[in-house]
Amino acid sequence: MKKMRAIICLCAIGGCIFVGAVIAGIFQGRSNQQPSSATELTDKEKSKAIKIAFEDGRIKEMLKGKEYSISYVNTTTREQLIEGKSVLKISPVVEMYISGLEWVTKVDVVVDLDEGKVIDMPINTHFKPMPARGVTKEERVEAIEIALNHEIVKEKIAGLPYEIPWVNEIKETSKIKGERPGERLVMVNIGIVGTMISYSVGVSITERRVIYISEDSWGGRMGQEKSDKAYEIAENDPWIKEKIEKRESSSTTRQRLVGEKLLVDVYIQPKGSETIIVATVDIEEEKVIGITESASWPESSEVIYTIEPNATKLL
């Protein structure tokens, strides 16, 4: 089946998402520890490694009030002493990039999956220079704190490893800024690690409250790999194969969470058909768990909370 993957772009709020994506891209670096086919980690192993890394007290302290991104989970081979013998052991490496005032710090968090602990964390404090941003260190810390304390945000990220790839000012040209002249406004991006699910949280520094939240389809390499995997699973489903009949098709995906379970809705529209097939894939089980039809493509961004200027504080 020939396919054309649809590219859905986020509608930037005054360019904020685009600028943030550029900043987030600064965090991404090519690793020196690339997994080979023999040492490729499973999705479960990657998730476990990330969980162990985030539970480490030293990492928690390093990330507090900071912008940070998880690039990938690779592997490294290390010499370890086991029962008095020196052996080579393959360990996951969670690659973290943490922003500073002038430099991005790269932290390779080496994890022992069997013992459930961090065994090493080489740190490069001058990995890349940080680009100029429109917020101060104090504003970033304050905006992150306000965003993470909002009830809707807490509900969305509860029990899940999350990252804060960027914090940026909301530009004067944006609609939100136009409705709130004189207020200092900042956008905080919060992503669920390993997915294409993120939240853009608008914060009024002036009023010290959240004024806007959207759920967006945006993420990094690990999230995109899961979308690609879901498409392959859907493409090979017998019912979908029969329905498409080897016709050229357009497709896209949208990820969602049910509790802590990641589901991917794969949208496929065969050429010449007005109907879009939607196959829901359980990534962990690696199977299609439901098939429906839709008359439209999914939105790349959905506003889930907003308040009018001068509104009484509710949350």
C-alpha atoms as a PDB file:
ATOM      1  CA  MET A   1       0.000   0.000   0.000  1.00  0.00           C
ATOM      2  CA  LYS A   2       1.435   3.349  -1.000  1.00  0.00           C
ATOM      3  CA  LYS A   3       1.011   6.010   1.634  1.00  0.00           C
ATOM      4  CA  MET A   4       1.400   9.729   2.073  1.00  0.00           C
ATOM      5  CA  ARG A   5       1.928  10.715   5.683  1.00  0.00           C
ATOM      6  CA  ALA A   6       0.059  13.913   6.472  1.00  0.00           C
ATOM      7  CA  ILE A   7       2.081  16.566   8.235  1.00  0.00           C
ATOM      8  CA  ILE A   8       0.019  18.445  10.789  1.00  0.00           C
ATOM      9  CA  CYS A   9       1.568  21.616  12.168  1.00  0.00           C
ATOM     10  CA  LEU A  10       0.710  23.331  15.416  1.00  0.00           C
ATOM     11  CA  CYS A  11      -0.875  26.729  15.132  1.00  0.00           C
ATOM     12  CA  ALA A  12       1.626  28.821  17.009  1.00  0.00           C
ATOM     13  CA  ILE A  13       0.416  31.307  19.558  1.00  0.00           C
ATOM     14  CA  GLY A  14       2.206  34.389  18.388  1.00  0.00           C
ATOM     15  CA  GLY A  15       5.101  32.210  17.189  1.00  0.00           C
ATOM     16  CA  CYS A  16       5.659  30.921  20.717  1.00  0.00           C
ATOM     17  CA  ILE A  17       5.436  27.218  19.852  1.00  0.00           C
ATOM     18  CA  PHE A  18       7.735  27.650  16.854  1.00  0.00           C
ATOM     19  CA  VAL A  19      10.338  29.527  18.889  1.00  0.00           C
ATOM     20  CA  GLY A  20      10.021  26.978  21.684  1.00  0.00           C
ATOM     21  CA  ALA A  21      10.547  24.139  19.232  1.00  0.00           C
ATOM     22  CA  VAL A  22      13.758  25.797  18.062  1.00  0.00           C
ATOM     23  CA  ILE A  23      14.937  26.122  21.670  1.00  0.00           C
ATOM     24  CA  ALA A  24      13.987  22.508  22.363  1.00  0.00           C
ATOM     25  CA  GLY A  25      15.986  21.513  19.302  1.00  0.00           C
ATOM     26  CA  ILE A  26      19.073  23.043  20.891  1.00  0.00           C
ATOM     27  CA  PHE A  27      18.811  20.342  23.552  1.00  0.00           C
ATOM     28  CA  GLN A  28      18.978  17.533  21.015  1.00  0.00           C
ATOM     29  CA  GLY A  29      22.495  16.256  20.345  1.00  0.00           C
ATOM     30  CA  ARG A  30      23.888  13.284  18.543  1.00  0.00           C
ATOM     31  CA  SER A  31      24.875  10.693  21.122  1.00  0.00           C
ATOM     32  CA  ASN A  32      28.192   8.911  21.185  1.00  0.00           C
ATOM     33  CA  GLN A  33      26.377   5.881  22.566  1.00  0.00           C
ATOM     34  CA  GLN A  34      24.282   4.531  19.722  1.00  0.00           C
ATOM     35  CA  PRO A  35      22.419   1.243  20.242  1.00  0.00           C
ATOM     36  CA  SER A  36      23.229  -1.580  17.868  1.00  0.00           C
ATOM     37  CA  SER A  37      20.652  -4.106  16.694  1.00  0.00           C
ATOM     38  CA  ALA A  38      22.013  -6.541  19.276  1.00  0.00           C
ATOM     39  CA  THR A  39      21.544  -4.115  22.167  1.00  0.00           C
ATOM     40  CA  GLU A  40      18.346  -2.318  21.105  1.00  0.00           C
ATOM     41  CA  LEU A  41      16.127  -1.655  24.089  1.00  0.00           C
ATOM     42  CA  THR A  42      12.435  -2.487  24.098  1.00  0.00           C
ATOM     43  CA  ASP A  43       9.836   0.211  24.796  1.00  0.00           C
ATOM     44  CA  LYS A  44       9.284  -1.315  28.257  1.00  0.00           C
ATOM     45  CA  GLU A  45      13.012  -1.200  29.038  1.00  0.00           C
ATOM     46  CA  LYS A  46      13.224   2.434  27.902  1.00  0.00           C
ATOM     47  CA  SER A  47      10.212   3.364  30.040  1.00  0.00           C
ATOM     48  CA  LYS A  48      11.689   1.580  33.057  1.00  0.00           C
ATOM     49  CA  ALA A  49      15.039   3.332  32.588  1.00  0.00           C
ATOM     50  CA  ILE A  50      13.325   6.735  32.403  1.00  0.00           C
ATOM     51  CA  LYS A  51      11.302   5.983  35.540  1.00  0.00           C
ATOM     52  CA  ILE A  52      14.424   4.994  37.476  1.00  0.00           C
ATOM     53  CA  ALA A  53      16.237   8.140  36.317  1.00  0.00           C
ATOM     54  CA  PHE A  54      13.388  10.435  37.357  1.00  0.00           C
ATOM     55  CA  GLU A  55      13.134   8.822  40.792  1.00  0.00           C
ATOM     56  CA  ASP A  56      16.799   9.536  41.598  1.00  0.00           C
ATOM     57  CA  GLY A  57      17.069  12.328  44.189  1.00  0.00           C
ATOM     58  CA  ARG A  58      20.063  13.932  42.484  1.00  0.00           C
ATOM     59  CA  ILE A  59      18.203  14.186  39.185  1.00  0.00           C
ATOM     60  CA  LYS A  60      15.126  15.658  40.889  1.00  0.00           C
ATOM     61  CA  GLU A  61      17.286  18.378  42.410  1.00  0.00           C
ATOM     62  CA  MET A  62      19.013  19.136  39.090  1.00  0.00           C
ATOM     63  CA  LEU A  63      15.689  19.515  37.240  1.00  0.00           C
ATOM     64  CA  LYS A  64      13.881  21.654  39.822  1.00  0.00           C
ATOM     65  CA  GLY A  65      12.703  24.925  38.241  1.00  0.00           C
ATOM     66  CA  LYS A  66      14.600  24.225  35.015  1.00  0.00           C
ATOM     67  CA  GLU A  67      13.834  23.668  31.356  1.00  0.00           C
ATOM     68  CA  TYR A  68      14.924  20.156  30.395  1.00  0.00           C
ATOM     69  CA  SER A  69      14.411  17.585  27.683  1.00  0.00           C
ATOM     70  CA  ILE A  70      14.858  13.819  27.378  1.00  0.00           C
ATOM     71  CA  SER A  71      16.417  13.180  23.989  1.00  0.00           C
ATOM     72  CA  TYR A  72      16.515   9.377  23.890  1.00  0.00           C
ATOM     73  CA  VAL A  73      17.404   6.206  25.787  1.00  0.00           C
ATOM     74  CA  ASN A  74      20.481   4.607  24.272  1.00  0.00           C
ATOM     75  CA  THR A  75      22.841   1.931  25.617  1.00  0.00           C
ATOM     76  CA  THR A  76      26.426   1.727  26.744  1.00  0.00           C
ATOM     77  CA  THR A  77      28.688  -1.219  27.574  1.00  0.00           C
ATOM     78  CA  ARG A  78      30.412  -0.996  30.937  1.00  0.00           C
ATOM     79  CA  GLU A  79      32.831  -3.221  32.797  1.00  0.00           C
ATOM     80  CA  GLN A  80      31.375  -4.406  36.102  1.00  0.00           C
ATOM     81  CA  LEU A  81      32.562  -6.689  38.882  1.00  0.00           C
ATOM     82  CA  ILE A  82      30.062  -9.539  39.346  1.00  0.00           C
ATOM     83  CA  GLU A  83      30.854 -12.331  41.836  1.00  0.00           C
ATOM     84  CA  GLY A  84      34.512 -11.385  41.761  1.00  0.00           C
ATOM     85  CA  LYS A  85      34.737 -11.471  37.964  1.00  0.00           C
ATOM     86  CA  SER A  86      35.034  -8.564  35.575  1.00  0.00           C
ATOM     87  CA  VAL A  87      32.282  -8.755  32.940  1.00  0.00           C
ATOM     88  CA  LEU A  88      30.895  -6.436  30.273  1.00  0.00           C
ATOM     89  CA  LYS A  89      27.312  -5.391  30.926  1.00  0.00           C
ATOM     90  CA  ILE A  90      24.954  -3.418  28.682  1.00  0.00           C
ATOM     91  CA  SER A  91      23.211  -0.556  30.490  1.00  0.00           C
ATOM     92  CA  PRO A  92      20.571   1.970  29.338  1.00  0.00           C
ATOM     93  CA  VAL A  93      21.593   5.624  29.131  1.00  0.00           C
ATOM     94  CA  VAL A  94      18.868   8.256  29.570  1.00  0.00           C
ATOM     95  CA  GLU A  95      20.070  11.374  27.748  1.00  0.00           C
ATOM     96  CA  MET A  96      19.003  14.593  29.490  1.00  0.00           C
ATOM     97  CA  TYR A  97      19.571  18.180  28.405  1.00  0.00           C
ATOM     98  CA  ILE A  98      19.137  20.859  31.072  1.00  0.00           C
ATOM     99  CA  SER A  99      19.082  24.573  30.365  1.00  0.00           C
ATOM    100  CA  GLY A 100      21.212  27.086  32.180  1.00  0.00           C
ATOM    101  CA  LEU A 101      21.672  30.832  31.922  1.00  0.00           C
ATOM    102  CA  GLU A 102      24.262  30.556  29.140  1.00  0.00           C
ATOM    103  CA  TRP A 103      24.848  26.842  28.500  1.00  0.00           C
ATOM    104  CA  VAL A 104      22.963  23.583  28.007  1.00  0.00           C
ATOM    105  CA  THR A 105      24.149  20.839  30.358  1.00  0.00           C
ATOM    106  CA  LYS A 106      24.099  17.271  29.015  1.00  0.00           C
ATOM    107  CA  VAL A 107      23.632  14.491  31.571  1.00  0.00           C
ATOM    108  CA  ASP A 108      23.967  10.825  30.589  1.00  0.00           C
ATOM    109  CA  VAL A 109      22.075   8.937  33.283  1.00  0.00           C
ATOM    110  CA  VAL A 110      23.350   5.343  33.255  1.00  0.00           C
ATOM    111  CA  VAL A 111      20.826   2.920  34.764  1.00  0.00           C
ATOM    112  CA  ASP A 112      20.963  -0.646  36.064  1.00  0.00           C
ATOM    113  CA  LEU A 113      17.578  -2.158  35.205  1.00  0.00           C
ATOM    114  CA  ASP A 114      18.107  -5.239  37.393  1.00  0.00           C
ATOM    115  CA  GLU A 115      18.963  -3.254  40.524  1.00  0.00           C
ATOM    116  CA  GLY A 116      16.583  -0.399  39.691  1.00  0.00           C
ATOM    117  CA  LYS A 117      19.067   2.404  40.323  1.00  0.00           C
ATOM    118  CA  VAL A 118      21.277   5.011  38.692  1.00  0.00           C
ATOM    119  CA  ILE A 119      24.877   3.777  38.595  1.00  0.00           C
ATOM    120  CA  ASP A 120      26.574   6.736  36.912  1.00  0.00           C
ATOM    121  CA  MET A 121      25.805  10.168  35.481  1.00  0.00           C
ATOM    122  CA  PRO A 122      28.569  11.817  33.444  1.00  0.00           C
ATOM    123  CA  ILE A 123      27.848  15.559  33.188  1.00  0.00           C
ATOM    124  CA  ASN A 124      28.934  18.004  30.477  1.00  0.00           C
ATOM    125  CA  THR A 125      28.113  21.487  31.789  1.00  0.00           C
ATOM    126  CA  HIS A 126      29.109  23.246  28.543  1.00  0.00           C
ATOM    127  CA  PHE A 127      27.459  21.007  25.970  1.00  0.00           C
ATOM    128  CA  LYS A 128      25.930  23.813  23.846  1.00  0.00           C
ATOM    129  CA  PRO A 129      25.402  27.557  24.287  1.00  0.00           C
ATOM    130  CA  MET A 130      21.839  28.612  25.085  1.00  0.00           C
ATOM    131  CA  PRO A 131      20.067  30.929  22.631  1.00  0.00           C
ATOM    132  CA  ALA A 132      18.774  34.276  23.847  1.00  0.00           C
ATOM    133  CA  ARG A 133      15.317  34.033  25.395  1.00  0.00           C
ATOM    134  CA  GLY A 134      12.674  36.530  26.384  1.00  0.00           C
ATOM    135  CA  VAL A 135      12.352  35.473  30.039  1.00  0.00           C
ATOM    136  CA  THR A 136      14.578  35.869  33.068  1.00  0.00           C
ATOM    137  CA  LYS A 137      15.710  33.025  35.314  1.00  0.00           C
ATOM    138  CA  GLU A 138      13.287  34.201  38.019  1.00  0.00           C
ATOM    139  CA  GLU A 139      10.381  34.335  35.562  1.00  0.00           C
ATOM    140  CA  ARG A 140      11.130  30.810  34.314  1.00  0.00           C
ATOM    141  CA  VAL A 141      11.181  29.390  37.841  1.00  0.00           C
ATOM    142  CA  GLU A 142       7.967  31.221  38.761  1.00  0.00           C
ATOM    143  CA  ALA A 143       6.128  30.284  35.548  1.00  0.00           C
ATOM    144  CA  ILE A 144       7.074  26.606  35.890  1.00  0.00           C
ATOM    145  CA  GLU A 145       5.904  26.552  39.510  1.00  0.00           C
ATOM    146  CA  ILE A 146       2.559  28.170  38.648  1.00  0.00           C
ATOM    147  CA  ALA A 147       2.010  25.829  35.682  1.00  0.00           C
ATOM    148  CA  LEU A 148       2.826  22.638  37.609  1.00  0.00           C
ATOM    149  CA  ASN A 149       0.540  23.645  40.496  1.00  0.00           C
ATOM    150  CA  HIS A 150      -2.539  24.074  38.305  1.00  0.00           C
ATOM    151  CA  GLU A 151      -5.150  21.375  38.949  1.00  0.00           C
ATOM    152  CA  ILE A 152      -5.659  20.470  35.279  1.00  0.00           C
ATOM    153  CA  VAL A 153      -1.911  20.174  34.672  1.00  0.00           C
ATOM    154  CA  LYS A 154      -1.463  18.055  37.795  1.00  0.00           C
ATOM    155  CA  GLU A 155      -4.246  15.741  36.625  1.00  0.00           C
ATOM    156  CA  LYS A 156      -2.756  15.385  33.129  1.00  0.00           C
ATOM    157  CA  ILE A 157       0.800  14.551  34.255  1.00  0.00           C
ATOM    158  CA  ALA A 158      -0.009  12.593  37.429  1.00  0.00           C
ATOM    159  CA  GLY A 159       2.245   9.532  37.752  1.00  0.00           C
ATOM    160  CA  LEU A 160       3.939  10.169  34.392  1.00  0.00           C
ATOM    161  CA  PRO A 161       7.514  11.257  33.644  1.00  0.00           C
ATOM    162  CA  TYR A 162       7.363  14.705  32.076  1.00  0.00           C
ATOM    163  CA  GLU A 163       9.773  17.192  30.584  1.00  0.00           C
ATOM    164  CA  ILE A 164       9.753  20.979  30.231  1.00  0.00           C
ATOM    165  CA  PRO A 165      11.558  21.586  26.927  1.00  0.00           C
ATOM    166  CA  TRP A 166      11.053  25.332  26.857  1.00  0.00           C
ATOM    167  CA  VAL A 167       9.669  28.391  28.595  1.00  0.00           C
ATOM    168  CA  ASN A 168       9.240  31.511  26.483  1.00  0.00           C
ATOM    169  CA  GLU A 169       7.533  34.876  26.540  1.00  0.00           C
ATOM    170  CA  ILE A 170       4.210  35.275  24.734  1.00  0.00           C
ATOM    171  CA  LYS A 171       4.838  37.801  21.980  1.00  0.00           C
ATOM    172  CA  GLU A 172       3.120  41.157  21.619  1.00  0.00           C
ATOM    173  CA  THR A 173       1.613  40.037  18.302  1.00  0.00           C
ATOM    174  CA  SER A 174      -0.278  37.089  19.814  1.00  0.00           C
ATOM    175  CA  LYS A 175      -4.040  37.091  20.392  1.00  0.00           C
ATOM    176  CA  ILE A 176      -3.618  36.281  24.091  1.00  0.00           C
ATOM    177  CA  LYS A 177      -1.240  39.207  24.594  1.00  0.00           C
ATOM    178  CA  GLY A 178      -3.592  41.503  22.705  1.00  0.00           C
ATOM    179  CA  GLU A 179      -6.376  40.639  25.155  1.00  0.00           C
ATOM    180  CA  ARG A 180      -4.116  41.327  28.149  1.00  0.00           C
ATOM    181  CA  PRO A 181      -2.163  44.522  27.478  1.00  0.00           C
ATOM    182  CA  GLY A 182       0.227  45.381  30.252  1.00  0.00           C
ATOM    183  CA  GLU A 183       0.446  41.831  31.627  1.00  0.00           C
ATOM    184  CA  ARG A 184       3.687  39.860  31.595  1.00  0.00           C
ATOM    185  CA  LEU A 185       2.778  36.555  29.903  1.00  0.00           C
ATOM    186  CA  VAL A 186       4.876  33.387  29.579  1.00  0.00           C
ATOM    187  CA  MET A 187       4.215  30.042  27.855  1.00  0.00           C
ATOM    188  CA  VAL A 188       5.436  26.840  29.530  1.00  0.00           C
ATOM    189  CA  ASN A 189       5.665  23.689  27.415  1.00  0.00           C
ATOM    190  CA  ILE A 190       5.230  20.410  29.322  1.00  0.00           C
ATOM    191  CA  GLY A 191       5.672  17.133  27.441  1.00  0.00           C
ATOM    192  CA  ILE A 192       4.966  13.558  28.498  1.00  0.00           C
ATOM    193  CA  VAL A 193       8.296  11.782  28.000  1.00  0.00           C
ATOM    194  CA  GLY A 194       8.306   9.177  25.234  1.00  0.00           C
ATOM    195  CA  THR A 195       5.065  10.411  23.631  1.00  0.00           C
ATOM    196  CA  MET A 196       3.776  12.980  21.151  1.00  0.00           C
ATOM    197  CA  ILE A 197       1.612  14.546  23.874  1.00  0.00           C
ATOM    198  CA  SER A 198       2.434  17.956  25.282  1.00  0.00           C
ATOM    199  CA  TYR A 199       0.695  20.846  26.991  1.00  0.00           C
ATOM    200  CA  SER A 200       1.177  24.552  26.294  1.00  0.00           C
ATOM    201  CA  VAL A 201       0.436  26.380  29.533  1.00  0.00           C
ATOM    202  CA  GLY A 202      -0.008  30.150  29.378  1.00  0.00           C
ATOM    203  CA  VAL A 203       0.947  31.879  32.624  1.00  0.00           C
ATOM    204  CA  SER A 204       0.315  35.464  33.672  1.00  0.00           C
ATOM    205  CA  ILE A 205       3.330  36.438  35.755  1.00  0.00           C
ATOM    206  CA  THR A 206       1.499  39.661  36.612  1.00  0.00           C
ATOM    207  CA  GLU A 207      -1.519  37.842  38.093  1.00  0.00           C
ATOM    208  CA  ARG A 208       0.409  34.713  39.118  1.00  0.00           C
ATOM    209  CA  ARG A 209      -2.053  32.294  37.523  1.00  0.00           C
ATOM    210  CA  VAL A 210      -2.608  30.028  34.529  1.00  0.00           C
ATOM    211  CA  ILE A 211      -4.716  31.668  31.833  1.00  0.00           C
ATOM    212  CA  TYR A 212      -4.558  29.098  29.021  1.00  0.00           C
ATOM    213  CA  ILE A 213      -3.884  25.379  28.476  1.00  0.00           C
ATOM    214  CA  SER A 214      -3.871  23.469  25.198  1.00  0.00           C
ATOM    215  CA  GLU A 215      -3.120  19.811  24.523  1.00  0.00           C
ATOM    216  CA  ASP A 216      -0.810  19.526  21.531  1.00  0.00           C
ATOM    217  CA  SER A 217       0.511  16.804  19.275  1.00  0.00           C
ATOM    218  CA  TRP A 218       4.228  17.491  19.534  1.00  0.00           C
ATOM    219  CA  GLY A 219       7.190  15.497  20.804  1.00  0.00           C
ATOM    220  CA  GLY A 220      10.596  14.017  20.160  1.00  0.00           C
ATOM    221  CA  ARG A 221      12.186  10.951  18.646  1.00  0.00           C
ATOM    222  CA  MET A 222      10.794   8.367  21.078  1.00  0.00           C
ATOM    223  CA  GLY A 223       7.253   9.633  20.637  1.00  0.00           C
ATOM    224  CA  GLN A 224       7.550   9.662  16.853  1.00  0.00           C
ATOM    225  CA  GLU A 225       8.884   6.095  16.871  1.00  0.00           C
ATOM    226  CA  LYS A 226       5.723   4.975  18.689  1.00  0.00           C
ATOM    227  CA  SER A 227       3.517   6.709  16.117  1.00  0.00           C
ATOM    228  CA  ASP A 228       5.452   5.029  13.296  1.00  0.00           C
ATOM    229  CA  LYS A 229       5.153   1.671  15.053  1.00  0.00           C
ATOM    230  CA  ALA A 230       1.396   2.153  15.497  1.00  0.00           C
ATOM    231  CA  TYR A 231       1.023   2.892  11.793  1.00  0.00           C
ATOM    232  CA  GLU A 232       2.833  -0.325  10.860  1.00  0.00           C
ATOM    233  CA  ILE A 233       0.597  -2.324  13.207  1.00  0.00           C
ATOM    234  CA  ALA A 234      -2.541  -0.723  11.762  1.00  0.00           C
ATOM    235  CA  GLU A 235      -1.327  -1.149   8.184  1.00  0.00           C
ATOM    236  CA  ASN A 236      -0.922  -4.901   8.740  1.00  0.00           C
ATOM    237  CA  ASP A 237      -4.334  -5.416  10.335  1.00  0.00           C
ATOM    238  CA  PRO A 238      -6.285  -7.856   8.099  1.00  0.00           C
ATOM    239  CA  TRP A 239      -9.515  -5.816   8.119  1.00  0.00           C
ATOM    240  CA  ILE A 240      -7.717  -2.587   7.197  1.00  0.00           C
ATOM    241  CA  LYS A 241      -5.743  -4.352   4.457  1.00  0.00           C
ATOM    242  CA  GLU A 242      -8.991  -5.567   2.950  1.00  0.00           C
ATOM    243  CA  LYS A 243     -10.651  -2.160   3.268  1.00  0.00           C
ATOM    244  CA  ILE A 244      -7.819  -0.273   1.615  1.00  0.00           C
ATOM    245  CA  GLU A 245      -7.226  -2.854  -1.109  1.00  0.00           C
ATOM    246  CA  LYS A 246      -3.671  -1.730  -1.926  1.00  0.00           C
ATOM    247  CA  ARG A 247      -4.851   1.780  -2.795  1.00  0.00           C
ATOM    248  CA  GLU A 248      -2.709   4.827  -2.235  1.00  0.00           C
ATOM    249  CA  SER A 249      -3.701   6.509   1.016  1.00  0.00           C
ATOM    250  CA  SER A 250      -3.075   9.504   3.260  1.00  0.00           C
ATOM    251  CA  SER A 251      -2.513   9.049   6.974  1.00  0.00           C
ATOM    252  CA  THR A 252      -1.634  10.685  10.261  1.00  0.00           C
ATOM    253  CA  THR A 253      -1.620   9.716  13.930  1.00  0.00           C
ATOM    254  CA  ARG A 254      -2.750  11.215  17.230  1.00  0.00           C
ATOM    255  CA  GLN A 255      -1.615   9.854  20.586  1.00  0.00           C
ATOM    256  CA  ARG A 256      -3.692   9.865  23.764  1.00  0.00           C
ATOM    257  CA  LEU A 257      -3.421   8.508  27.279  1.00  0.00           C
ATOM    258  CA  VAL A 258      -5.990   6.412  29.114  1.00  0.00           C
ATOM    259  CA  GLY A 259      -4.619   6.509  32.633  1.00  0.00           C
ATOM    260  CA  GLU A 260      -0.962   5.641  32.066  1.00  0.00           C
ATOM    261  CA  LYS A 261      -1.655   3.510  28.969  1.00  0.00           C
ATOM    262  CA  LEU A 262      -0.614   5.038  25.654  1.00  0.00           C
ATOM    263  CA  LEU A 263      -2.993   4.573  22.727  1.00  0.00           C
ATOM    264  CA  VAL A 264      -2.379   5.775  19.188  1.00  0.00           C
ATOM    265  CA  ASP A 265      -5.240   6.579  16.833  1.00  0.00           C
ATOM    266  CA  VAL A 266      -4.087   5.955  13.260  1.00  0.00           C
ATOM    267  CA  TYR A 267      -6.102   7.873  10.669  1.00  0.00           C
ATOM    268  CA  ILE A 268      -6.038   6.363   7.168  1.00  0.00           C
ATOM    269  CA  GLN A 269      -7.954   7.677   4.145  1.00  0.00           C
ATOM    270  CA  PRO A 270      -7.762   5.569   0.975  1.00  0.00           C
ATOM    271  CA  LYS A 271      -7.555   7.577  -2.233  1.00  0.00           C
ATOM    272  CA  GLY A 272     -10.999   8.291  -3.623  1.00  0.00           C
ATOM    273  CA  SER A 273     -12.778   7.690  -0.319  1.00  0.00           C
ATOM    274  CA  GLU A 274     -14.515  10.384   1.730  1.00  0.00           C
ATOM    275  CA  THR A 275     -14.309   8.255   4.867  1.00  0.00           C
ATOM    276  CA  ILE A 276     -11.280   8.171   7.136  1.00  0.00           C
ATOM    277  CA  ILE A 277     -10.564   4.885   8.911  1.00  0.00           C
ATOM    278  CA  VAL A 278      -9.416   5.273  12.517  1.00  0.00           C
ATOM    279  CA  ALA A 279      -7.525   2.318  13.988  1.00  0.00           C
ATOM    280  CA  THR A 280      -6.750   2.535  17.713  1.00  0.00           C
ATOM    281  CA  VAL A 281      -3.487   0.794  18.558  1.00  0.00           C
ATOM    282  CA  ASP A 282      -2.372  -0.336  22.011  1.00  0.00           C
ATOM    283  CA  ILE A 283       1.374   0.302  21.850  1.00  0.00           C
ATOM    284  CA  GLU A 284       2.262  -1.948  24.782  1.00  0.00           C
ATOM    285  CA  GLU A 285       0.200  -4.879  23.474  1.00  0.00           C
ATOM    286  CA  GLU A 286       1.220  -4.105  19.878  1.00  0.00           C
ATOM    287  CA  LYS A 287      -2.234  -4.665  18.446  1.00  0.00           C
ATOM    288  CA  VAL A 288      -5.283  -2.892  17.037  1.00  0.00           C
ATOM    289  CA  ILE A 289      -7.953  -2.744  19.752  1.00  0.00           C
ATOM    290  CA  GLY A 290     -10.647  -0.827  17.874  1.00  0.00           C
ATOM    291  CA  ILE A 291     -11.614   0.444  14.434  1.00  0.00           C
ATOM    292  CA  THR A 292     -13.997   3.320  13.756  1.00  0.00           C
ATOM    293  CA  GLU A 293     -14.632   5.830  10.974  1.00  0.00           C
ATOM    294  CA  SER A 294     -14.355   9.603  10.920  1.00  0.00           C
ATOM    295  CA  ALA A 295     -15.358  12.382   8.564  1.00  0.00           C
ATOM    296  CA  SER A 296     -12.434  14.609   9.556  1.00  0.00           C
ATOM    297  CA  TRP A 297      -8.764  14.591  10.484  1.00  0.00           C
ATOM    298  CA  PRO A 298      -7.714  15.136  14.126  1.00  0.00           C
ATOM    299  CA  GLU A 299      -6.826  18.597  15.385  1.00  0.00           C
ATOM    300  CA  SER A 300      -3.154  19.102  16.163  1.00  0.00           C
ATOM    301  CA  SER A 301      -3.985  21.340  19.112  1.00  0.00           C
ATOM    302  CA  GLU A 302      -7.016  21.522  21.402  1.00  0.00           C
ATOM    303  CA  VAL A 303      -7.670  24.263  23.957  1.00  0.00           C
ATOM    304  CA  ILE A 304      -8.724  22.606  27.216  1.00  0.00           C
ATOM    305  CA  TYR A 305      -8.716  25.610  29.551  1.00  0.00           C
ATOM    306  CA  THR A 306      -8.886  29.374  29.223  1.00  0.00           C
ATOM    307  CA  ILE A 307     -10.061  32.306  31.287  1.00  0.00           C
ATOM    308  CA  GLU A 308     -11.068  35.796  30.256  1.00  0.00           C
ATOM    309  CA  PRO A 309      -9.045  38.827  31.359  1.00  0.00           C
ATOM    310  CA  ASN A 310     -10.051  40.094  34.825  1.00  0.00           C
ATOM    311  CA  ALA A 311     -11.944  36.832  35.546  1.00  0.00           C
ATOM    312  CA  THR A 312     -12.170  35.642  39.131  1.00  0.00           C
ATOM    313  CA  LYS A 313      -9.565  33.033  40.010  1.00  0.00           C
ATOM    314  CA  LEU A 314     -11.132  29.554  39.917  1.00  0.00           C
ATOM    315  CA  LEU A 315      -8.142  27.233  39.851  1.00  0.00           C
END
